[in-house]
C-alpha cells in the first residue's frame, strides 16, 4: 500500500519566510540574540525549544519561559500570516485525488498542534488526513526519523511504502533514515542543498508539477 506523509510548513503552505521574519524579530529585538537573518534561518528546524537552546544554550530559559516565548511567537505568526493562508498551487486537487484513490495520508510535522490546527481547520482539509503527528508527539526531532516512523505506524503501512513531502534538507534526511522516498518542494531551499541525499524522487515548486501528479 502506498501512503503520503506531509511536512506542513513550507511543504503544504508557503509560510517559511513569515516564520523567518517573526523569529528574527523575536530573537534579535525581544531577546537580544544579535543574529543576522541568515543565522536565524540556519537555526530554523526542529522544535521551538530546541531552536532557543541552539541560539542561547541549554538552560538559558526555564520551561515556562520557553513555553511563553514559543506561544508569543506563534500568535504573532498566525496574526500576520492568516490573510495569506493558502495551500501551495495544485495541492488541494492533489489531496482530493489521493483521497479518492484511497491513499492514506498523514501530517508529520515539527509544528505544535496550535499551528497544525490553524492550517487544517482554516483551510478545511482535516478530512484528508488519517493521522497527525506534531512536535508534541515525538521525543526526537528531524533529522531523526521518529516523526515519519510514527506516522507510518499510525497509518498501518510499511516505511518503504511511504512517500514523504518535504521542503527542508533535515526533513529529507529524516525520511531517508526512515527508509522512505521523498518529494522536495523548493519553497525555501535550493536543489543544491539536498545534494548529499539519495532518496529524492523529484523536486517541484508546487503540486501542479507533472512528476508529482503522477504519484497518485
N, C-alpha and C. Protein backbone atom coordinates (compact mmCIF):
# COMPACT_ATOMS: atom_id res chain seq x y z
N UNK A 1 0.83 -1.19 0.00
CA UNK A 1 0.00 0.00 0.00
C UNK A 1 0.87 1.25 0.00
N UNK A 2 0.53 2.20 -0.84
CA UNK A 2 1.23 3.47 -0.90
C UNK A 2 0.61 4.45 0.09
N UNK A 3 1.44 5.28 0.72
CA UNK A 3 0.97 6.30 1.65
C UNK A 3 1.76 7.58 1.46
N UNK A 4 1.12 8.70 1.73
CA UNK A 4 1.76 10.01 1.61
C UNK A 4 1.87 10.65 3.00
N UNK A 5 3.08 11.09 3.34
CA UNK A 5 3.32 11.79 4.60
C UNK A 5 3.77 13.21 4.29
N UNK A 6 3.11 14.18 4.90
CA UNK A 6 3.38 15.58 4.60
C UNK A 6 3.96 16.32 5.79
N UNK A 7 5.13 16.91 5.59
CA UNK A 7 5.54 18.01 6.44
C UNK A 7 4.54 19.14 6.15
N UNK A 8 4.48 20.16 6.99
CA UNK A 8 3.47 21.19 6.77
C UNK A 8 4.07 22.52 6.32
N UNK A 9 4.82 23.16 7.20
CA UNK A 9 5.34 24.50 6.89
C UNK A 9 6.36 24.44 5.77
N UNK A 10 6.11 25.20 4.71
CA UNK A 10 7.00 25.20 3.56
C UNK A 10 6.72 24.09 2.58
N UNK A 11 5.89 23.14 2.97
CA UNK A 11 5.59 21.97 2.13
C UNK A 11 4.15 21.99 1.65
N UNK A 12 3.23 22.31 2.55
CA UNK A 12 1.82 22.43 2.19
C UNK A 12 1.43 23.90 2.01
N UNK A 13 2.04 24.75 2.79
CA UNK A 13 1.82 26.19 2.71
C UNK A 13 3.18 26.88 2.60
N UNK A 14 3.22 27.97 1.87
CA UNK A 14 4.49 28.67 1.64
C UNK A 14 4.63 29.78 2.68
N UNK A 15 4.97 29.38 3.90
CA UNK A 15 4.97 30.33 5.01
C UNK A 15 6.32 30.48 5.72
N UNK A 16 7.36 29.81 5.22
CA UNK A 16 8.62 29.83 5.96
C UNK A 16 9.25 31.22 6.02
N UNK A 17 8.98 32.05 5.03
CA UNK A 17 9.50 33.41 5.07
C UNK A 17 8.84 34.22 6.19
N UNK A 18 7.59 33.91 6.47
CA UNK A 18 6.91 34.56 7.59
C UNK A 18 7.52 34.11 8.92
N UNK A 19 7.77 32.81 9.04
CA UNK A 19 8.42 32.30 10.26
C UNK A 19 9.79 32.94 10.43
N UNK A 20 10.54 33.07 9.34
CA UNK A 20 11.86 33.69 9.41
C UNK A 20 11.75 35.14 9.92
N UNK A 21 10.83 35.91 9.35
CA UNK A 21 10.66 37.30 9.77
C UNK A 21 10.33 37.40 11.26
N UNK A 22 9.45 36.52 11.72
CA UNK A 22 9.00 36.62 13.11
C UNK A 22 10.05 36.09 14.07
N UNK A 23 10.72 34.98 13.70
CA UNK A 23 11.81 34.50 14.56
C UNK A 23 12.93 35.54 14.64
N UNK A 24 13.24 36.18 13.53
CA UNK A 24 14.28 37.21 13.54
C UNK A 24 13.90 38.34 14.50
N UNK A 25 12.65 38.76 14.44
CA UNK A 25 12.16 39.83 15.32
C UNK A 25 12.22 39.39 16.78
N UNK A 26 11.74 38.19 17.07
CA UNK A 26 11.72 37.71 18.46
C UNK A 26 13.14 37.52 19.00
N UNK A 27 13.99 36.87 18.21
CA UNK A 27 15.34 36.56 18.69
C UNK A 27 16.21 37.80 18.83
N UNK A 28 16.12 38.72 17.89
CA UNK A 28 17.01 39.88 17.92
C UNK A 28 16.43 41.04 18.72
N UNK A 29 15.17 41.37 18.48
CA UNK A 29 14.58 42.54 19.14
C UNK A 29 14.05 42.25 20.53
N UNK A 30 13.40 41.10 20.70
CA UNK A 30 12.83 40.77 22.01
C UNK A 30 13.87 40.15 22.95
N UNK A 31 14.73 39.28 22.41
CA UNK A 31 15.63 38.50 23.26
C UNK A 31 17.10 38.90 23.13
N UNK A 32 17.43 39.79 22.20
CA UNK A 32 18.78 40.31 22.11
C UNK A 32 19.84 39.33 21.64
N UNK A 33 19.47 38.43 20.73
CA UNK A 33 20.42 37.41 20.28
C UNK A 33 21.52 37.98 19.38
N UNK A 34 21.24 39.07 18.67
CA UNK A 34 22.25 39.66 17.81
C UNK A 34 22.63 38.82 16.62
N UNK A 35 21.67 38.13 16.02
CA UNK A 35 21.92 37.28 14.86
C UNK A 35 21.55 37.98 13.56
N UNK A 36 22.21 37.58 12.49
CA UNK A 36 21.78 38.02 11.17
C UNK A 36 20.57 37.19 10.74
N UNK A 37 19.88 37.63 9.68
CA UNK A 37 18.74 36.86 9.18
C UNK A 37 19.19 35.48 8.69
N UNK A 38 20.36 35.41 8.07
CA UNK A 38 20.85 34.11 7.58
C UNK A 38 21.18 33.19 8.75
N UNK A 39 21.71 33.73 9.83
CA UNK A 39 21.98 32.91 11.01
C UNK A 39 20.68 32.41 11.62
N UNK A 40 19.68 33.26 11.67
CA UNK A 40 18.37 32.82 12.17
C UNK A 40 17.83 31.71 11.27
N UNK A 41 17.93 31.88 9.97
CA UNK A 41 17.45 30.88 9.02
C UNK A 41 18.12 29.53 9.27
N UNK A 42 19.41 29.54 9.58
CA UNK A 42 20.15 28.29 9.78
C UNK A 42 19.67 27.52 11.01
N UNK A 43 19.02 28.22 11.93
CA UNK A 43 18.52 27.57 13.16
C UNK A 43 17.07 27.10 13.04
N UNK A 44 16.43 27.35 11.91
CA UNK A 44 15.00 27.10 11.80
C UNK A 44 14.70 25.66 11.40
N UNK A 45 14.87 24.77 12.35
CA UNK A 45 14.46 23.38 12.18
C UNK A 45 14.20 22.81 13.57
N UNK A 46 13.41 21.75 13.60
CA UNK A 46 13.10 21.13 14.90
C UNK A 46 12.07 21.91 15.70
N UNK A 47 12.00 21.59 16.97
CA UNK A 47 11.03 22.20 17.86
C UNK A 47 11.50 23.58 18.31
N UNK A 48 10.53 24.40 18.75
CA UNK A 48 10.87 25.75 19.19
C UNK A 48 11.84 25.76 20.37
N UNK A 49 11.65 24.85 21.32
CA UNK A 49 12.55 24.82 22.47
C UNK A 49 13.97 24.44 22.06
N UNK A 50 14.08 23.59 21.02
CA UNK A 50 15.41 23.22 20.52
C UNK A 50 16.08 24.40 19.83
N UNK A 51 15.30 25.16 19.08
CA UNK A 51 15.84 26.36 18.43
C UNK A 51 16.38 27.33 19.46
N UNK A 52 15.61 27.58 20.51
CA UNK A 52 16.06 28.51 21.56
C UNK A 52 17.31 27.99 22.25
N UNK A 53 17.40 26.69 22.45
CA UNK A 53 18.59 26.11 23.09
C UNK A 53 19.81 26.23 22.19
N UNK A 54 19.62 26.09 20.86
CA UNK A 54 20.74 26.24 19.93
C UNK A 54 21.27 27.68 19.96
N UNK A 55 20.37 28.63 20.06
CA UNK A 55 20.78 30.03 19.99
C UNK A 55 21.35 30.52 21.32
N UNK A 56 20.71 30.17 22.44
CA UNK A 56 21.07 30.75 23.73
C UNK A 56 21.76 29.77 24.68
N UNK A 57 21.79 28.48 24.31
CA UNK A 57 22.35 27.48 25.20
C UNK A 57 21.28 26.80 26.02
N UNK A 58 21.54 25.56 26.36
CA UNK A 58 20.58 24.79 27.16
C UNK A 58 20.48 25.39 28.56
N UNK A 59 19.26 25.58 29.04
CA UNK A 59 19.04 26.08 30.38
C UNK A 59 18.96 27.58 30.51
N UNK A 60 19.14 28.30 29.38
CA UNK A 60 19.07 29.76 29.45
C UNK A 60 17.69 30.23 29.89
N UNK A 61 16.64 29.53 29.46
CA UNK A 61 15.27 29.86 29.82
C UNK A 61 14.65 28.69 30.58
N UNK A 62 13.77 28.99 31.52
CA UNK A 62 13.03 27.95 32.21
C UNK A 62 12.00 27.36 31.24
N UNK A 63 11.49 26.17 31.54
CA UNK A 63 10.44 25.61 30.67
C UNK A 63 9.24 26.53 30.50
N UNK A 64 8.85 27.22 31.57
CA UNK A 64 7.72 28.15 31.46
C UNK A 64 8.06 29.33 30.55
N UNK A 65 9.29 29.82 30.64
CA UNK A 65 9.72 30.91 29.77
C UNK A 65 9.77 30.47 28.31
N UNK A 66 10.27 29.27 28.08
CA UNK A 66 10.30 28.72 26.71
C UNK A 66 8.89 28.62 26.15
N UNK A 67 7.97 28.10 26.95
CA UNK A 67 6.58 27.96 26.50
C UNK A 67 5.96 29.32 26.18
N UNK A 68 6.26 30.32 27.00
CA UNK A 68 5.71 31.66 26.78
C UNK A 68 6.29 32.30 25.52
N UNK A 69 7.60 32.16 25.34
CA UNK A 69 8.24 32.71 24.13
C UNK A 69 7.68 32.04 22.89
N UNK A 70 7.56 30.72 22.94
CA UNK A 70 7.05 29.95 21.80
C UNK A 70 5.62 30.36 21.47
N UNK A 71 4.77 30.46 22.49
CA UNK A 71 3.37 30.82 22.25
C UNK A 71 3.26 32.23 21.68
N UNK A 72 4.05 33.16 22.22
CA UNK A 72 4.02 34.54 21.72
C UNK A 72 4.45 34.60 20.25
N UNK A 73 5.50 33.84 19.94
CA UNK A 73 5.98 33.80 18.56
C UNK A 73 4.91 33.26 17.62
N UNK A 74 4.25 32.16 18.00
CA UNK A 74 3.25 31.55 17.12
C UNK A 74 2.00 32.41 16.99
N UNK A 75 1.64 33.12 18.04
CA UNK A 75 0.49 34.03 17.94
C UNK A 75 0.79 35.17 16.97
N UNK A 76 2.03 35.68 17.00
CA UNK A 76 2.44 36.71 16.04
C UNK A 76 2.39 36.16 14.62
N UNK A 77 2.91 34.94 14.46
CA UNK A 77 2.91 34.30 13.14
C UNK A 77 1.50 34.16 12.59
N UNK A 78 0.59 33.64 13.39
CA UNK A 78 -0.77 33.42 12.90
C UNK A 78 -1.47 34.72 12.55
N UNK A 79 -1.26 35.75 13.36
CA UNK A 79 -1.90 37.04 13.09
C UNK A 79 -1.42 37.64 11.78
N UNK A 80 -0.11 37.52 11.51
CA UNK A 80 0.46 38.11 10.30
C UNK A 80 0.19 37.25 9.07
N UNK A 81 0.26 35.93 9.24
CA UNK A 81 0.16 35.04 8.08
C UNK A 81 -1.28 34.73 7.67
N UNK A 82 -2.25 34.82 8.57
CA UNK A 82 -3.61 34.36 8.27
C UNK A 82 -4.19 34.97 6.99
N UNK A 83 -4.00 36.27 6.71
CA UNK A 83 -4.55 36.80 5.46
C UNK A 83 -3.94 36.17 4.21
N UNK A 84 -2.78 35.54 4.36
CA UNK A 84 -2.08 34.93 3.22
C UNK A 84 -2.22 33.41 3.20
N UNK A 85 -2.95 32.86 4.16
CA UNK A 85 -3.02 31.41 4.33
C UNK A 85 -3.71 30.75 3.13
N UNK A 86 -2.96 29.93 2.43
CA UNK A 86 -3.49 29.19 1.29
C UNK A 86 -2.58 28.01 1.02
N UNK A 87 -3.13 26.95 0.45
CA UNK A 87 -2.32 25.80 0.07
C UNK A 87 -1.44 26.15 -1.13
N UNK A 88 -0.32 25.44 -1.25
CA UNK A 88 0.50 25.59 -2.45
C UNK A 88 -0.33 25.24 -3.68
N UNK A 89 -0.05 25.90 -4.81
CA UNK A 89 -0.82 25.63 -6.03
C UNK A 89 -0.88 24.13 -6.36
N UNK A 90 -2.09 23.67 -6.64
CA UNK A 90 -2.29 22.28 -7.03
C UNK A 90 -2.46 21.31 -5.88
N UNK A 91 -2.20 21.74 -4.64
CA UNK A 91 -2.23 20.79 -3.53
C UNK A 91 -3.65 20.32 -3.21
N UNK A 92 -4.62 21.21 -3.26
CA UNK A 92 -5.98 20.77 -2.94
C UNK A 92 -6.44 19.67 -3.90
N UNK A 93 -6.19 19.87 -5.19
CA UNK A 93 -6.57 18.85 -6.17
C UNK A 93 -5.79 17.56 -5.94
N UNK A 94 -4.52 17.69 -5.58
CA UNK A 94 -3.69 16.52 -5.32
C UNK A 94 -4.23 15.73 -4.13
N UNK A 95 -4.58 16.43 -3.04
CA UNK A 95 -5.15 15.77 -1.87
C UNK A 95 -6.46 15.09 -2.21
N UNK A 96 -7.30 15.77 -2.98
CA UNK A 96 -8.59 15.20 -3.34
C UNK A 96 -8.41 13.94 -4.20
N UNK A 97 -7.47 13.99 -5.12
CA UNK A 97 -7.22 12.82 -5.97
C UNK A 97 -6.70 11.64 -5.16
N UNK A 98 -5.77 11.91 -4.24
CA UNK A 98 -5.24 10.85 -3.39
C UNK A 98 -6.32 10.29 -2.48
N UNK A 99 -7.16 11.16 -1.97
CA UNK A 99 -8.26 10.76 -1.08
C UNK A 99 -9.22 9.83 -1.82
N UNK A 100 -9.56 10.19 -3.04
CA UNK A 100 -10.48 9.37 -3.84
C UNK A 100 -9.85 8.05 -4.24
N UNK A 101 -8.52 8.04 -4.33
CA UNK A 101 -7.80 6.81 -4.68
C UNK A 101 -7.50 5.96 -3.46
N UNK A 102 -8.02 6.38 -2.30
CA UNK A 102 -7.84 5.65 -1.04
C UNK A 102 -6.38 5.51 -0.64
N UNK A 103 -5.58 6.51 -0.96
CA UNK A 103 -4.19 6.55 -0.49
C UNK A 103 -4.17 7.18 0.89
N UNK A 104 -3.76 6.45 1.92
CA UNK A 104 -3.76 7.03 3.26
C UNK A 104 -2.72 8.15 3.37
N UNK A 105 -3.09 9.20 4.10
CA UNK A 105 -2.22 10.37 4.23
C UNK A 105 -2.13 10.81 5.68
N UNK A 106 -0.98 11.39 6.04
CA UNK A 106 -0.77 11.87 7.40
C UNK A 106 0.05 13.15 7.37
N UNK A 107 -0.12 13.96 8.41
CA UNK A 107 0.75 15.10 8.68
C UNK A 107 1.86 14.60 9.60
N UNK A 108 3.10 14.94 9.27
CA UNK A 108 4.25 14.57 10.11
C UNK A 108 5.14 15.81 10.20
N UNK A 109 4.90 16.62 11.22
CA UNK A 109 5.48 17.96 11.27
C UNK A 109 6.12 18.26 12.62
N UNK A 110 7.09 19.16 12.60
CA UNK A 110 7.70 19.66 13.83
C UNK A 110 6.89 20.80 14.42
N UNK A 111 5.79 21.17 13.76
CA UNK A 111 4.93 22.23 14.28
C UNK A 111 4.18 21.75 15.51
N UNK A 112 3.79 22.71 16.34
CA UNK A 112 2.97 22.38 17.51
C UNK A 112 1.51 22.26 17.07
N UNK A 113 0.66 21.56 17.85
CA UNK A 113 -0.74 21.40 17.47
C UNK A 113 -1.46 22.73 17.22
N UNK A 114 -1.10 23.77 17.95
CA UNK A 114 -1.68 25.10 17.78
C UNK A 114 -1.57 25.57 16.33
N UNK A 115 -0.42 25.33 15.70
CA UNK A 115 -0.23 25.75 14.30
C UNK A 115 -0.80 24.75 13.30
N UNK A 116 -0.73 23.47 13.63
CA UNK A 116 -1.32 22.47 12.73
C UNK A 116 -2.83 22.66 12.65
N UNK A 117 -3.48 22.86 13.79
CA UNK A 117 -4.92 23.10 13.80
C UNK A 117 -5.27 24.37 13.03
N UNK A 118 -4.44 25.39 13.15
CA UNK A 118 -4.62 26.66 12.44
C UNK A 118 -4.72 26.41 10.94
N UNK A 119 -3.86 25.55 10.41
CA UNK A 119 -3.85 25.27 8.97
C UNK A 119 -4.99 24.33 8.58
N UNK A 120 -5.12 23.21 9.26
CA UNK A 120 -6.11 22.20 8.87
C UNK A 120 -7.53 22.73 8.96
N UNK A 121 -7.82 23.50 10.01
CA UNK A 121 -9.20 23.96 10.21
C UNK A 121 -9.54 25.19 9.39
N UNK A 122 -8.61 26.12 9.27
CA UNK A 122 -8.90 27.31 8.47
C UNK A 122 -8.99 26.99 6.98
N UNK A 123 -8.28 25.96 6.54
CA UNK A 123 -8.33 25.56 5.13
C UNK A 123 -9.28 24.39 4.90
N UNK A 124 -9.89 23.88 5.98
CA UNK A 124 -10.89 22.82 5.90
C UNK A 124 -10.37 21.60 5.15
N UNK A 125 -9.20 21.10 5.58
CA UNK A 125 -8.59 19.95 4.90
C UNK A 125 -8.33 18.78 5.87
N UNK A 126 -8.87 18.86 7.06
CA UNK A 126 -8.61 17.82 8.06
C UNK A 126 -9.07 16.45 7.59
N UNK A 127 -10.13 16.40 6.79
CA UNK A 127 -10.70 15.11 6.37
C UNK A 127 -9.72 14.26 5.57
N UNK A 128 -8.72 14.90 4.97
CA UNK A 128 -7.81 14.16 4.11
C UNK A 128 -6.78 13.33 4.90
N UNK A 129 -6.62 13.61 6.17
CA UNK A 129 -5.51 13.02 6.92
C UNK A 129 -6.02 12.06 8.00
N UNK A 130 -5.55 10.81 7.90
CA UNK A 130 -5.95 9.80 8.86
C UNK A 130 -5.14 9.88 10.15
N UNK A 131 -4.03 10.59 10.12
CA UNK A 131 -3.19 10.72 11.31
C UNK A 131 -2.47 12.06 11.27
N UNK A 132 -2.20 12.60 12.46
CA UNK A 132 -1.43 13.84 12.60
C UNK A 132 -0.38 13.62 13.68
N UNK A 133 0.87 13.82 13.33
CA UNK A 133 1.97 13.72 14.30
C UNK A 133 2.63 15.09 14.39
N UNK A 134 2.63 15.65 15.60
CA UNK A 134 3.14 17.00 15.83
C UNK A 134 4.40 16.96 16.69
N UNK A 135 4.93 18.14 16.99
CA UNK A 135 6.10 18.24 17.86
C UNK A 135 5.83 17.64 19.23
N UNK A 136 4.58 17.67 19.67
CA UNK A 136 4.23 17.16 20.99
C UNK A 136 4.16 15.64 21.04
N UNK A 137 4.22 15.00 19.88
CA UNK A 137 4.03 13.55 19.81
C UNK A 137 5.33 12.76 19.67
N UNK A 138 6.47 13.46 19.60
CA UNK A 138 7.74 12.78 19.41
C UNK A 138 8.77 13.27 20.42
N UNK A 139 9.74 12.41 20.70
CA UNK A 139 10.85 12.79 21.58
C UNK A 139 12.00 13.40 20.79
N UNK A 140 12.21 12.89 19.57
CA UNK A 140 13.34 13.32 18.74
C UNK A 140 12.85 14.09 17.52
N UNK A 141 13.51 15.19 17.21
CA UNK A 141 13.15 16.00 16.05
C UNK A 141 13.91 15.53 14.80
N UNK A 142 13.42 15.92 13.64
CA UNK A 142 14.16 15.71 12.40
C UNK A 142 15.54 16.34 12.54
N UNK A 143 16.61 15.69 12.07
CA UNK A 143 16.64 14.59 11.10
C UNK A 143 16.44 13.19 11.68
N UNK A 144 16.11 13.07 12.97
CA UNK A 144 15.73 11.75 13.49
C UNK A 144 14.45 11.31 12.78
N UNK A 145 14.31 10.04 12.46
CA UNK A 145 13.16 9.58 11.67
C UNK A 145 11.88 9.36 12.48
N UNK A 146 11.89 9.64 13.77
CA UNK A 146 10.75 9.26 14.62
C UNK A 146 9.41 9.76 14.10
N UNK A 147 9.33 11.02 13.66
CA UNK A 147 8.05 11.59 13.26
C UNK A 147 7.46 10.83 12.07
N UNK A 148 8.29 10.43 11.12
CA UNK A 148 7.80 9.68 9.96
C UNK A 148 7.51 8.24 10.30
N UNK A 149 8.32 7.64 11.14
CA UNK A 149 8.06 6.27 11.57
C UNK A 149 6.74 6.18 12.33
N UNK A 150 6.48 7.17 13.17
CA UNK A 150 5.23 7.16 13.93
C UNK A 150 4.03 7.37 13.02
N UNK A 151 4.16 8.26 12.05
CA UNK A 151 3.06 8.49 11.11
C UNK A 151 2.75 7.23 10.32
N UNK A 152 3.79 6.53 9.86
CA UNK A 152 3.58 5.29 9.12
C UNK A 152 2.89 4.25 9.98
N UNK A 153 3.31 4.15 11.24
CA UNK A 153 2.71 3.20 12.16
C UNK A 153 1.23 3.50 12.38
N UNK A 154 0.90 4.78 12.53
CA UNK A 154 -0.50 5.16 12.75
C UNK A 154 -1.36 4.87 11.52
N UNK A 155 -0.76 4.96 10.35
CA UNK A 155 -1.50 4.63 9.12
C UNK A 155 -1.55 3.13 8.86
N UNK A 156 -0.69 2.38 9.55
CA UNK A 156 -0.65 0.93 9.37
C UNK A 156 0.03 0.52 8.08
N UNK A 157 1.05 1.28 7.67
CA UNK A 157 1.77 0.97 6.44
C UNK A 157 3.26 0.81 6.74
N UNK A 158 3.95 0.13 5.86
CA UNK A 158 5.39 -0.06 6.00
C UNK A 158 6.13 1.21 5.56
N UNK A 159 7.24 1.53 6.21
CA UNK A 159 8.01 2.71 5.80
C UNK A 159 8.36 2.74 4.32
N UNK A 160 8.70 1.58 3.75
CA UNK A 160 9.09 1.53 2.34
C UNK A 160 7.94 1.91 1.41
N UNK A 161 6.72 1.88 1.91
CA UNK A 161 5.56 2.25 1.10
C UNK A 161 5.26 3.74 1.14
N UNK A 162 5.97 4.49 1.98
CA UNK A 162 5.65 5.90 2.20
C UNK A 162 6.45 6.82 1.29
N UNK A 163 5.79 7.84 0.80
CA UNK A 163 6.43 8.95 0.11
C UNK A 163 6.27 10.18 0.98
N UNK A 164 7.38 10.80 1.32
CA UNK A 164 7.38 11.97 2.20
C UNK A 164 7.49 13.23 1.36
N UNK A 165 6.63 14.20 1.65
CA UNK A 165 6.68 15.51 1.01
C UNK A 165 7.33 16.47 1.99
N UNK A 166 8.46 17.03 1.59
CA UNK A 166 9.27 17.86 2.48
C UNK A 166 9.79 19.10 1.74
N UNK A 167 10.26 20.07 2.52
CA UNK A 167 10.88 21.26 1.93
C UNK A 167 12.29 21.49 2.46
N UNK A 168 12.71 20.75 3.49
CA UNK A 168 13.97 21.04 4.17
C UNK A 168 14.93 19.85 4.12
N UNK A 169 16.23 20.11 4.01
CA UNK A 169 17.19 19.01 3.99
C UNK A 169 17.11 18.08 5.19
N UNK A 170 16.91 18.63 6.38
CA UNK A 170 16.84 17.77 7.57
C UNK A 170 15.60 16.90 7.55
N UNK A 171 14.52 17.39 6.95
CA UNK A 171 13.33 16.56 6.80
C UNK A 171 13.54 15.43 5.83
N UNK A 172 14.22 15.72 4.71
CA UNK A 172 14.52 14.68 3.73
C UNK A 172 15.49 13.66 4.32
N UNK A 173 16.43 14.14 5.12
CA UNK A 173 17.34 13.21 5.80
C UNK A 173 16.58 12.29 6.76
N UNK A 174 15.60 12.86 7.47
CA UNK A 174 14.77 12.04 8.37
C UNK A 174 14.01 10.98 7.59
N UNK A 175 13.50 11.34 6.42
CA UNK A 175 12.81 10.37 5.57
C UNK A 175 13.77 9.28 5.12
N UNK A 176 14.97 9.67 4.73
CA UNK A 176 15.99 8.70 4.31
C UNK A 176 16.29 7.72 5.43
N UNK A 177 16.44 8.23 6.64
CA UNK A 177 16.75 7.38 7.78
C UNK A 177 15.58 6.48 8.16
N UNK A 178 14.37 6.87 7.75
CA UNK A 178 13.19 6.03 7.98
C UNK A 178 12.99 5.01 6.86
N UNK A 179 13.82 5.09 5.82
CA UNK A 179 13.68 4.19 4.69
C UNK A 179 12.61 4.61 3.71
N UNK A 180 12.37 5.92 3.61
CA UNK A 180 11.29 6.45 2.78
C UNK A 180 11.84 7.34 1.66
N UNK A 181 11.15 7.32 0.51
CA UNK A 181 11.45 8.24 -0.57
C UNK A 181 10.85 9.60 -0.26
N UNK A 182 11.34 10.63 -0.97
CA UNK A 182 10.87 11.98 -0.67
C UNK A 182 10.68 12.80 -1.94
N UNK A 183 9.68 13.67 -1.89
CA UNK A 183 9.47 14.71 -2.89
C UNK A 183 9.81 16.03 -2.21
N UNK A 184 10.62 16.85 -2.87
CA UNK A 184 11.06 18.11 -2.27
C UNK A 184 10.34 19.29 -2.93
N UNK A 185 9.69 20.10 -2.10
CA UNK A 185 9.09 21.35 -2.55
C UNK A 185 10.12 22.46 -2.33
N UNK A 186 10.47 23.15 -3.39
CA UNK A 186 11.58 24.12 -3.32
C UNK A 186 11.08 25.51 -2.95
N UNK A 187 10.38 25.61 -1.83
CA UNK A 187 9.85 26.89 -1.38
C UNK A 187 10.86 27.69 -0.58
N UNK A 188 11.81 27.01 0.05
CA UNK A 188 12.73 27.69 0.96
C UNK A 188 14.20 27.35 0.68
N UNK A 189 14.44 26.17 0.12
CA UNK A 189 15.80 25.69 -0.09
C UNK A 189 16.03 25.37 -1.56
N UNK A 190 17.26 25.55 -2.02
CA UNK A 190 17.61 25.24 -3.40
C UNK A 190 17.93 23.76 -3.54
N UNK A 191 17.89 23.26 -4.77
CA UNK A 191 18.18 21.85 -5.02
C UNK A 191 19.59 21.48 -4.55
N UNK A 192 20.53 22.41 -4.66
CA UNK A 192 21.91 22.14 -4.28
C UNK A 192 22.05 21.78 -2.81
N UNK A 193 21.14 22.25 -1.98
CA UNK A 193 21.22 21.98 -0.54
C UNK A 193 20.85 20.54 -0.20
N UNK A 194 20.34 19.80 -1.18
CA UNK A 194 19.94 18.40 -0.97
C UNK A 194 20.90 17.44 -1.67
N UNK A 195 22.05 17.93 -2.10
CA UNK A 195 22.94 17.16 -2.98
C UNK A 195 23.40 15.84 -2.39
N UNK A 196 23.50 15.75 -1.07
CA UNK A 196 24.02 14.52 -0.46
C UNK A 196 22.93 13.55 -0.03
N UNK A 197 21.70 13.78 -0.47
CA UNK A 197 20.57 12.93 -0.07
C UNK A 197 20.07 12.14 -1.28
N UNK A 198 20.09 10.82 -1.16
CA UNK A 198 19.81 9.97 -2.32
C UNK A 198 18.42 9.37 -2.38
N UNK A 199 17.49 9.89 -1.60
CA UNK A 199 16.14 9.31 -1.56
C UNK A 199 15.10 10.20 -2.23
N UNK A 200 15.53 11.16 -3.04
CA UNK A 200 14.61 12.15 -3.62
C UNK A 200 14.07 11.66 -4.96
N UNK A 201 12.75 11.62 -5.05
CA UNK A 201 12.09 11.22 -6.29
C UNK A 201 12.12 12.36 -7.30
N UNK A 202 11.76 13.56 -6.83
CA UNK A 202 11.72 14.72 -7.71
C UNK A 202 11.71 16.00 -6.90
N UNK A 203 12.11 17.09 -7.53
CA UNK A 203 11.96 18.42 -6.98
C UNK A 203 10.80 19.10 -7.69
N UNK A 204 10.05 19.92 -6.97
CA UNK A 204 8.92 20.62 -7.58
C UNK A 204 8.67 21.93 -6.85
N UNK A 205 8.23 22.94 -7.59
CA UNK A 205 7.91 24.21 -6.93
C UNK A 205 6.51 24.18 -6.33
N UNK A 206 5.64 23.29 -6.85
CA UNK A 206 4.30 23.14 -6.32
C UNK A 206 3.72 21.81 -6.78
N UNK A 207 2.43 21.61 -6.52
CA UNK A 207 1.79 20.32 -6.79
C UNK A 207 1.14 20.27 -8.16
N UNK A 208 1.42 21.25 -9.01
CA UNK A 208 0.99 21.19 -10.41
C UNK A 208 2.04 20.49 -11.27
N UNK A 209 3.17 20.22 -10.69
CA UNK A 209 4.25 19.54 -11.40
C UNK A 209 3.78 18.13 -11.82
N UNK A 210 3.99 17.79 -13.07
CA UNK A 210 3.51 16.51 -13.59
C UNK A 210 4.16 15.32 -12.90
N UNK A 211 5.39 15.47 -12.48
CA UNK A 211 6.05 14.36 -11.75
C UNK A 211 5.38 14.10 -10.40
N UNK A 212 4.80 15.13 -9.82
CA UNK A 212 4.07 14.98 -8.56
C UNK A 212 2.69 14.40 -8.82
N UNK A 213 1.98 14.96 -9.79
CA UNK A 213 0.63 14.49 -10.10
C UNK A 213 0.62 13.01 -10.41
N UNK A 214 1.66 12.52 -11.11
CA UNK A 214 1.71 11.10 -11.50
C UNK A 214 1.84 10.17 -10.30
N UNK A 215 2.21 10.67 -9.15
CA UNK A 215 2.36 9.81 -7.96
C UNK A 215 1.02 9.24 -7.51
N UNK A 216 -0.05 9.91 -7.79
CA UNK A 216 -1.37 9.41 -7.42
C UNK A 216 -1.81 8.33 -8.39
